Amino acid sequence: MQQCHTGLCLSVYIITFVLGFPANVLAFYTFCKKVRQKPTPIDILLLNLTISDLLFLLFLPFKMHEVMNNMVWDIPYALCPLSGFIFFMTIYTSTFFLTAVSVERYLGVAFPIQHSLKRRPAYAVAASIFFWIFSVVHLSIVFIIPFIPSANSHNVTSDQNATTGPNRRVCYESFTEAQLEVLLPVRLELCIVLFCIPFLICCFCYINFIRILSKLHHLDRRRRLRAIGMALGTLLVFALCFGPYNVSHIVGFVTWKSPPWRDTALLLSTFNACLDPLIFYFSSSAVRGTVGSVIEGVRSHLNRCMSCPIPWASWGISQTTTDKEHTQESTNAI
């Protein structure tokens, strides 16, 4: 059974939720508004990426509760496969949408005229539907694994039988040999199909994207550097957030057991939900405009608060003035 260090895992989950949730809500509002006004393929893809991150973040509190409870699942067990399914499925939908954005960016600079003529929001919608269905079908293994009986179910220990017995106190962590025979090959397939292939496509697109932009000297230098930085940042996020976790699938298949560091690698994938908004910021001028409006609104609100008279001070001044008037009236009366 894998163990997640309580302090480390809980810190990562809390930081990801606190930073990622408001940032993704802001991005969701921006892309919804923009898609309603004038939909473009990249906005549709980024909107779906935001939805994926928000789904991930909404179910993250279940992982927080599990870690705080020493990895014991004491809430209704039906929520275990559901939270696990959302947790893992949204990791791979993110890889698909990040890859689709890279393809859109590359085509826009490599074939600007042809791409602008054939560019249709409907294509992005169709691709998004395909990505969701493809990920849902592949990650349905999360629902299947707990119900695979062990070949020697009468001889397994109580800890091994935790996922299939009536006292289900562990959520998607402890597996029998029969379950591993199904799970480990599926994980390897997930690594190849849902990570390696999208990552290679993403690398091809962004490397060529950077190469083409570096030759466009007529383009504003600031915009060119921002676009190149966005491409490099996306590749870095892709590799660091999803690479170690998918490498654990390969190691697990070779050694025929889940590596003990798999939970730590999964923490890097968790961080992706609060790093994606940075990609949104550099990819979309609408997001930058919304962020600027929010900052300006907060600043003006703070300025108004700072300039407001303090109620108790005003009350004290009024009382002092009133007391002086009463004193003067009393003096005049005498």
Protein backbone atom coordinates (compact mmCIF):
# COMPACT_ATOMS: atom_id res chain seq x y z
CA MET A 1 0.00 0.00 0.00
CA GLN A 2 1.36 3.43 -0.94
CA GLN A 3 1.72 6.10 1.68
CA CYS A 4 1.42 9.84 1.20
CA HIS A 5 3.27 12.00 3.70
CA THR A 6 0.47 13.88 5.40
CA GLY A 7 2.19 17.26 5.70
CA LEU A 8 3.57 17.27 2.16
CA CYS A 9 0.44 16.00 0.41
CA LEU A 10 -1.93 18.19 2.39
CA SER A 11 0.22 21.28 1.76
CA VAL A 12 0.27 20.63 -2.00
CA TYR A 13 -3.48 20.01 -2.12
CA ILE A 14 -4.31 23.15 -0.13
CA ILE A 15 -1.95 25.39 -2.13
CA THR A 16 -3.31 24.00 -5.40
CA PHE A 17 -6.91 24.53 -4.33
CA VAL A 18 -6.42 28.02 -2.84
CA LEU A 19 -4.47 29.33 -5.84
CA GLY A 20 -6.06 27.28 -8.60
CA PHE A 21 -9.76 27.56 -7.86
CA PRO A 22 -10.20 31.37 -8.02
CA ALA A 23 -7.80 31.62 -10.98
CA ASN A 24 -9.70 28.98 -12.95
CA VAL A 25 -13.07 30.51 -12.05
CA LEU A 26 -11.79 33.81 -13.42
CA ALA A 27 -10.57 32.09 -16.59
CA PHE A 28 -13.86 30.20 -16.92
CA TYR A 29 -15.84 33.46 -16.73
CA THR A 30 -13.56 35.09 -19.32
CA PHE A 31 -13.69 32.25 -21.84
CA CYS A 32 -17.46 31.79 -21.44
CA LYS A 33 -17.96 35.47 -22.14
CA LYS A 34 -15.64 35.41 -25.13
CA VAL A 35 -17.11 32.22 -26.61
CA ARG A 36 -20.62 33.70 -26.38
CA GLN A 37 -19.51 36.87 -28.18
CA LYS A 38 -17.15 35.54 -30.85
CA PRO A 39 -16.01 31.91 -30.50
CA THR A 40 -12.57 30.95 -31.78
CA PRO A 41 -11.05 27.45 -31.73
CA ILE A 42 -8.36 28.29 -29.20
CA ASP A 43 -10.89 29.88 -26.82
CA ILE A 44 -13.06 26.76 -27.00
CA LEU A 45 -10.05 24.54 -26.24
CA LEU A 46 -8.93 26.74 -23.34
CA LEU A 47 -12.49 26.79 -21.97
CA ASN A 48 -12.52 23.00 -21.93
CA LEU A 49 -9.11 22.95 -20.27
CA THR A 50 -10.51 25.28 -17.60
CA ILE A 51 -13.53 23.02 -17.07
CA SER A 52 -11.17 20.06 -16.67
CA ASP A 53 -9.16 21.91 -14.03
CA LEU A 54 -12.29 23.04 -12.18
CA LEU A 55 -13.62 19.46 -12.06
CA PHE A 56 -10.29 18.35 -10.67
CA LEU A 57 -10.32 21.09 -8.02
CA LEU A 58 -13.93 20.42 -7.00
CA PHE A 59 -13.07 16.82 -6.11
CA LEU A 60 -9.70 17.67 -4.54
CA PRO A 61 -11.24 18.12 -1.03
CA PHE A 62 -11.96 14.36 -1.02
CA LYS A 63 -8.22 13.74 -1.38
CA MET A 64 -7.55 16.26 1.38
CA HIS A 65 -9.94 14.46 3.70
CA GLU A 66 -8.36 11.10 2.84
CA VAL A 67 -4.85 12.37 3.62
CA MET A 68 -5.97 13.98 6.88
CA ASN A 69 -7.56 10.65 7.84
CA ASN A 70 -4.29 8.70 7.32
CA MET A 71 -5.43 7.35 3.94
CA VAL A 72 -8.49 5.68 5.48
CA TRP A 73 -11.69 6.18 3.44
CA ASP A 74 -14.44 6.77 6.03
CA ILE A 75 -16.99 8.49 3.78
CA PRO A 76 -19.50 6.63 1.53
CA TYR A 77 -17.51 4.24 -0.65
CA ALA A 78 -19.48 5.17 -3.78
CA LEU A 79 -17.58 8.47 -3.75
CA CYS A 80 -14.24 6.65 -3.89
CA PRO A 81 -14.35 5.46 -7.52
CA LEU A 82 -16.08 8.69 -8.58
CA SER A 83 -13.45 10.96 -7.01
CA GLY A 84 -10.66 8.71 -8.30
CA PHE A 85 -12.15 8.72 -11.79
CA ILE A 86 -12.42 12.54 -11.87
CA PHE A 87 -8.95 12.90 -10.33
CA PHE A 88 -7.18 10.75 -12.95
CA MET A 89 -9.43 11.50 -15.92
CA THR A 90 -8.91 15.26 -15.71
CA ILE A 91 -5.13 14.75 -15.66
CA TYR A 92 -5.31 13.19 -19.12
CA THR A 93 -7.93 15.55 -20.52
CA SER A 94 -5.50 18.34 -19.62
CA THR A 95 -2.77 16.70 -21.70
CA PHE A 96 -5.13 16.47 -24.67
CA PHE A 97 -6.26 20.09 -24.50
CA LEU A 98 -2.71 21.38 -23.97
CA THR A 99 -1.68 19.41 -27.06
CA ALA A 100 -4.63 20.73 -29.08
CA VAL A 101 -3.69 24.31 -28.14
CA SER A 102 -0.11 23.65 -29.31
CA VAL A 103 -1.40 22.35 -32.66
CA GLU A 104 -3.63 25.41 -33.06
CA ARG A 105 -0.72 27.74 -32.28
CA TYR A 106 1.63 25.96 -34.68
CA LEU A 107 -0.83 25.93 -37.59
CA GLY A 108 -1.51 29.62 -37.02
CA VAL A 109 2.13 30.59 -37.61
CA ALA A 110 3.18 27.84 -40.05
CA PHE A 111 0.19 28.10 -42.39
CA PRO A 112 -1.46 31.42 -41.52
CA ILE A 113 -3.53 31.88 -44.69
CA GLN A 114 -4.66 28.29 -45.16
CA HIS A 115 -5.39 27.90 -41.47
CA SER A 116 -7.41 31.12 -41.24
CA LEU A 117 -9.54 30.00 -44.22
CA LYS A 118 -10.25 26.53 -42.76
CA ARG A 119 -10.47 27.60 -39.14
CA ARG A 120 -13.89 26.69 -37.73
CA PRO A 121 -15.09 26.70 -34.09
CA ALA A 122 -17.06 23.53 -34.90
CA TYR A 123 -13.79 21.64 -35.36
CA ALA A 124 -12.65 22.63 -31.87
CA VAL A 125 -16.01 21.57 -30.43
CA ALA A 126 -15.79 18.18 -32.18
CA ALA A 127 -12.20 17.69 -30.98
CA SER A 128 -13.20 18.60 -27.41
CA ILE A 129 -16.07 16.08 -27.42
CA PHE A 130 -13.69 13.41 -28.73
CA PHE A 131 -11.10 14.17 -26.03
CA TRP A 132 -13.69 13.92 -23.25
CA ILE A 133 -15.16 10.66 -24.54
CA PHE A 134 -11.72 9.13 -25.20
CA SER A 135 -10.52 9.98 -21.67
CA VAL A 136 -13.74 8.80 -20.02
CA VAL A 137 -13.56 5.43 -21.81
CA HIS A 138 -9.91 4.88 -20.90
CA LEU A 139 -10.23 5.95 -17.27
CA SER A 140 -13.33 3.83 -16.69
CA ILE A 141 -10.79 1.29 -15.43
CA VAL A 142 -11.01 3.14 -12.10
CA PHE A 143 -14.59 1.87 -11.71
CA ILE A 144 -13.73 -1.65 -12.86
CA ILE A 145 -10.61 -2.45 -10.81
CA PRO A 146 -12.21 -2.53 -7.29
CA PHE A 147 -14.67 -5.19 -8.44
CA ILE A 148 -12.13 -7.65 -9.88
CA PRO A 149 -12.13 -10.63 -7.48
CA SER A 150 -8.89 -12.23 -6.38
CA ALA A 151 -8.09 -15.71 -7.64
CA ASN A 152 -7.34 -16.77 -4.08
CA SER A 153 -9.79 -14.48 -2.34
CA HIS A 154 -10.10 -16.88 0.60
CA ASN A 155 -6.39 -16.65 1.41
CA VAL A 156 -5.69 -12.93 0.97
CA THR A 157 -4.98 -10.77 3.96
CA SER A 158 -7.51 -8.30 5.25
CA ASP A 159 -5.39 -5.40 3.94
CA GLN A 160 -5.25 -6.90 0.45
CA ASN A 161 -8.98 -7.51 0.52
CA ALA A 162 -9.74 -3.95 1.62
CA THR A 163 -10.83 -2.85 -1.83
CA THR A 164 -13.11 -5.79 -2.50
CA GLY A 165 -14.36 -6.84 0.93
CA PRO A 166 -17.33 -5.41 2.77
CA ASN A 167 -15.13 -3.11 4.93
CA ARG A 168 -13.77 -0.86 2.24
CA ARG A 169 -11.44 1.34 4.25
CA VAL A 170 -8.84 2.04 1.55
CA CYS A 171 -9.61 3.94 -1.68
CA TYR A 172 -7.82 2.82 -4.82
CA GLU A 173 -4.49 2.14 -3.14
CA SER A 174 -4.18 -1.53 -2.13
CA PHE A 175 -4.49 -4.03 -5.00
CA THR A 176 -4.52 -7.82 -5.21
CA GLU A 177 -2.44 -9.76 -7.74
CA ALA A 178 -5.52 -10.30 -9.90
CA GLN A 179 -6.21 -6.55 -9.94
CA LEU A 180 -2.58 -5.71 -10.77
CA GLU A 181 -2.67 -8.08 -13.74
CA VAL A 182 -5.32 -5.83 -15.28
CA LEU A 183 -4.26 -2.46 -13.89
CA LEU A 184 -0.52 -2.39 -14.72
CA PRO A 185 -0.89 -3.06 -18.48
CA VAL A 186 -3.69 -0.49 -18.65
CA ARG A 187 -1.46 2.08 -16.93
CA LEU A 188 1.27 1.41 -19.50
CA GLU A 189 -1.26 1.96 -22.29
CA LEU A 190 -2.39 5.21 -20.64
CA CYS A 191 1.22 6.36 -20.50
CA ILE A 192 1.83 5.66 -24.19
CA VAL A 193 -1.48 6.78 -25.69
CA LEU A 194 -2.57 9.57 -23.34
CA PHE A 195 0.83 11.02 -22.45
CA CYS A 196 3.73 10.05 -24.73
CA ILE A 197 1.96 10.64 -28.05
CA PRO A 198 0.40 13.99 -26.99
CA PHE A 199 3.74 15.10 -25.51
CA LEU A 200 5.64 14.31 -28.71
CA ILE A 201 3.03 16.22 -30.74
CA CYS A 202 3.25 19.14 -28.32
CA CYS A 203 7.07 19.18 -28.56
CA PHE A 204 6.97 19.10 -32.37
CA CYS A 205 4.43 21.93 -32.55
CA TYR A 206 6.07 24.27 -30.03
CA ILE A 207 9.64 23.68 -31.22
CA ASN A 208 8.59 24.61 -34.74
CA PHE A 209 6.42 27.42 -33.38
CA ILE A 210 9.48 28.92 -31.66
CA ARG A 211 11.66 28.36 -34.72
CA ILE A 212 9.21 30.19 -37.01
CA LEU A 213 8.63 33.06 -34.59
CA SER A 214 12.35 33.63 -34.14
CA LYS A 215 12.58 34.35 -37.88
CA LEU A 216 9.67 36.83 -37.95
CA HIS A 217 11.66 39.99 -37.29
CA HIS A 218 8.80 42.24 -38.41
CA LEU A 219 6.74 41.04 -35.42
CA ASP A 220 6.83 43.20 -32.30
CA ARG A 221 9.70 41.96 -30.13
CA ARG A 222 7.66 42.01 -26.93
CA ARG A 223 4.84 39.94 -28.44
CA ARG A 224 7.33 37.52 -29.97
CA LEU A 225 9.15 36.96 -26.68
CA ARG A 226 5.85 36.52 -24.82
CA ALA A 227 4.70 33.89 -27.33
CA ILE A 228 8.03 32.05 -27.12
CA GLY A 229 7.91 32.18 -23.32
CA MET A 230 4.37 30.79 -23.38
CA ALA A 231 5.49 27.89 -25.59
CA LEU A 232 8.51 27.04 -23.44
CA GLY A 233 6.44 27.37 -20.25
CA THR A 234 3.78 25.01 -21.60
CA LEU A 235 6.37 22.38 -22.51
CA LEU A 236 7.97 22.74 -19.08
CA VAL A 237 4.61 22.38 -17.30
CA PHE A 238 3.73 19.40 -19.50
CA ALA A 239 7.00 17.59 -18.76
CA LEU A 240 7.29 18.37 -15.03
CA CYS A 241 3.63 17.93 -14.08
CA PHE A 242 2.76 14.84 -16.11
CA GLY A 243 6.13 13.21 -16.86
CA PRO A 244 7.08 11.68 -13.47
CA TYR A 245 3.57 10.30 -12.87
CA ASN A 246 3.52 8.57 -16.26
CA VAL A 247 7.07 7.28 -15.80
CA SER A 248 5.72 5.54 -12.67
CA HIS A 249 3.39 3.58 -15.00
CA ILE A 250 6.39 2.26 -16.94
CA VAL A 251 8.32 1.43 -13.75
CA GLY A 252 5.24 -0.25 -12.30
CA PHE A 253 4.82 -2.42 -15.40
CA VAL A 254 8.51 -3.45 -15.42
CA THR A 255 8.66 -4.25 -11.68
CA TRP A 256 5.04 -5.49 -11.64
CA LYS A 257 4.09 -3.35 -8.64
CA SER A 258 3.21 0.27 -7.96
CA PRO A 259 6.43 2.17 -7.15
CA PRO A 260 6.47 3.67 -3.64
CA TRP A 261 7.19 7.17 -5.03
CA ARG A 262 4.08 7.18 -7.24
CA ASP A 263 2.10 9.35 -4.79
CA THR A 264 4.88 11.96 -4.77
CA ALA A 265 4.91 12.00 -8.59
CA LEU A 266 1.14 12.43 -8.55
CA LEU A 267 1.57 15.61 -6.47
CA LEU A 268 3.33 17.23 -9.45
CA SER A 269 0.30 16.45 -11.61
CA THR A 270 -1.86 18.09 -8.95
CA PHE A 271 0.11 21.34 -9.29
CA ASN A 272 -0.93 21.57 -12.94
CA ALA A 273 -4.37 22.90 -11.92
CA CYS A 274 -2.83 26.11 -10.56
CA LEU A 275 -0.17 26.42 -13.30
CA ASP A 276 -2.63 26.27 -16.22
CA PRO A 277 -4.00 29.77 -15.43
CA LEU A 278 -0.50 31.11 -16.17
CA ILE A 279 -0.77 29.56 -19.63
CA PHE A 280 -4.20 31.15 -20.00
CA TYR A 281 -2.74 34.53 -19.03
CA PHE A 282 -0.03 34.41 -21.71
CA SER A 283 -2.26 32.71 -24.31
CA SER A 284 -5.27 35.02 -24.16
CA SER A 285 -5.46 38.80 -24.20
CA ALA A 286 -9.02 38.47 -22.83
CA VAL A 287 -7.70 36.78 -19.68
CA ARG A 288 -5.06 39.45 -19.29
CA GLY A 289 -7.77 42.10 -19.65
CA THR A 290 -9.98 40.40 -17.05
CA VAL A 291 -7.10 40.07 -14.60
CA GLY A 292 -6.25 43.75 -15.13
CA SER A 293 -9.88 44.74 -14.51
CA VAL A 294 -10.05 42.68 -11.32
CA ILE A 295 -6.79 44.17 -10.01
CA GLU A 296 -7.98 47.68 -10.85
CA GLY A 297 -11.33 47.03 -9.14
CA VAL A 298 -9.63 45.73 -5.99
CA ARG A 299 -7.26 48.69 -5.98
CA SER A 300 -10.05 51.25 -6.34
CA HIS A 301 -12.07 49.51 -3.63
CA LEU A 302 -9.09 49.61 -1.26
CA ASN A 303 -8.53 53.29 -2.06
CA ARG A 304 -12.17 54.05 -1.24
CA CYS A 305 -11.89 52.14 2.02
CA MET A 306 -8.71 53.99 2.96
CA SER A 307 -10.27 57.36 2.20
CA CYS A 308 -13.51 56.65 4.10
CA PRO A 309 -13.83 58.48 7.48
CA ILE A 310 -13.63 56.14 10.45
CA PRO A 311 -17.13 55.93 12.02
CA TRP A 312 -16.01 55.84 15.62
CA ALA A 313 -13.62 58.76 15.06
CA SER A 314 -16.39 60.81 13.48
CA TRP A 315 -18.66 59.90 16.35
CA GLY A 316 -15.99 60.97 18.83
CA ILE A 317 -15.46 64.30 17.07
CA SER A 318 -19.21 64.90 16.97
CA GLN A 319 -19.49 64.08 20.64
CA THR A 320 -16.61 66.40 21.51
CA THR A 321 -18.19 69.20 19.49
CA THR A 322 -21.57 68.61 21.15
CA ASP A 323 -20.00 68.58 24.61
CA LYS A 324 -18.28 71.88 23.87
CA GLU A 325 -21.59 73.39 22.71
CA HIS A 326 -23.34 72.21 25.91
CA THR A 327 -20.51 73.59 27.99
CA GLN A 328 -20.73 76.96 26.19
CA GLU A 329 -24.49 77.05 26.67
CA SER A 330 -24.10 76.29 30.36
CA THR A 331 -21.51 79.02 30.73
CA ASN A 332 -23.78 81.54 29.00
CA ALA A 333 -26.65 80.55 31.24
CA ILE A 334 -24.59 81.18 34.34
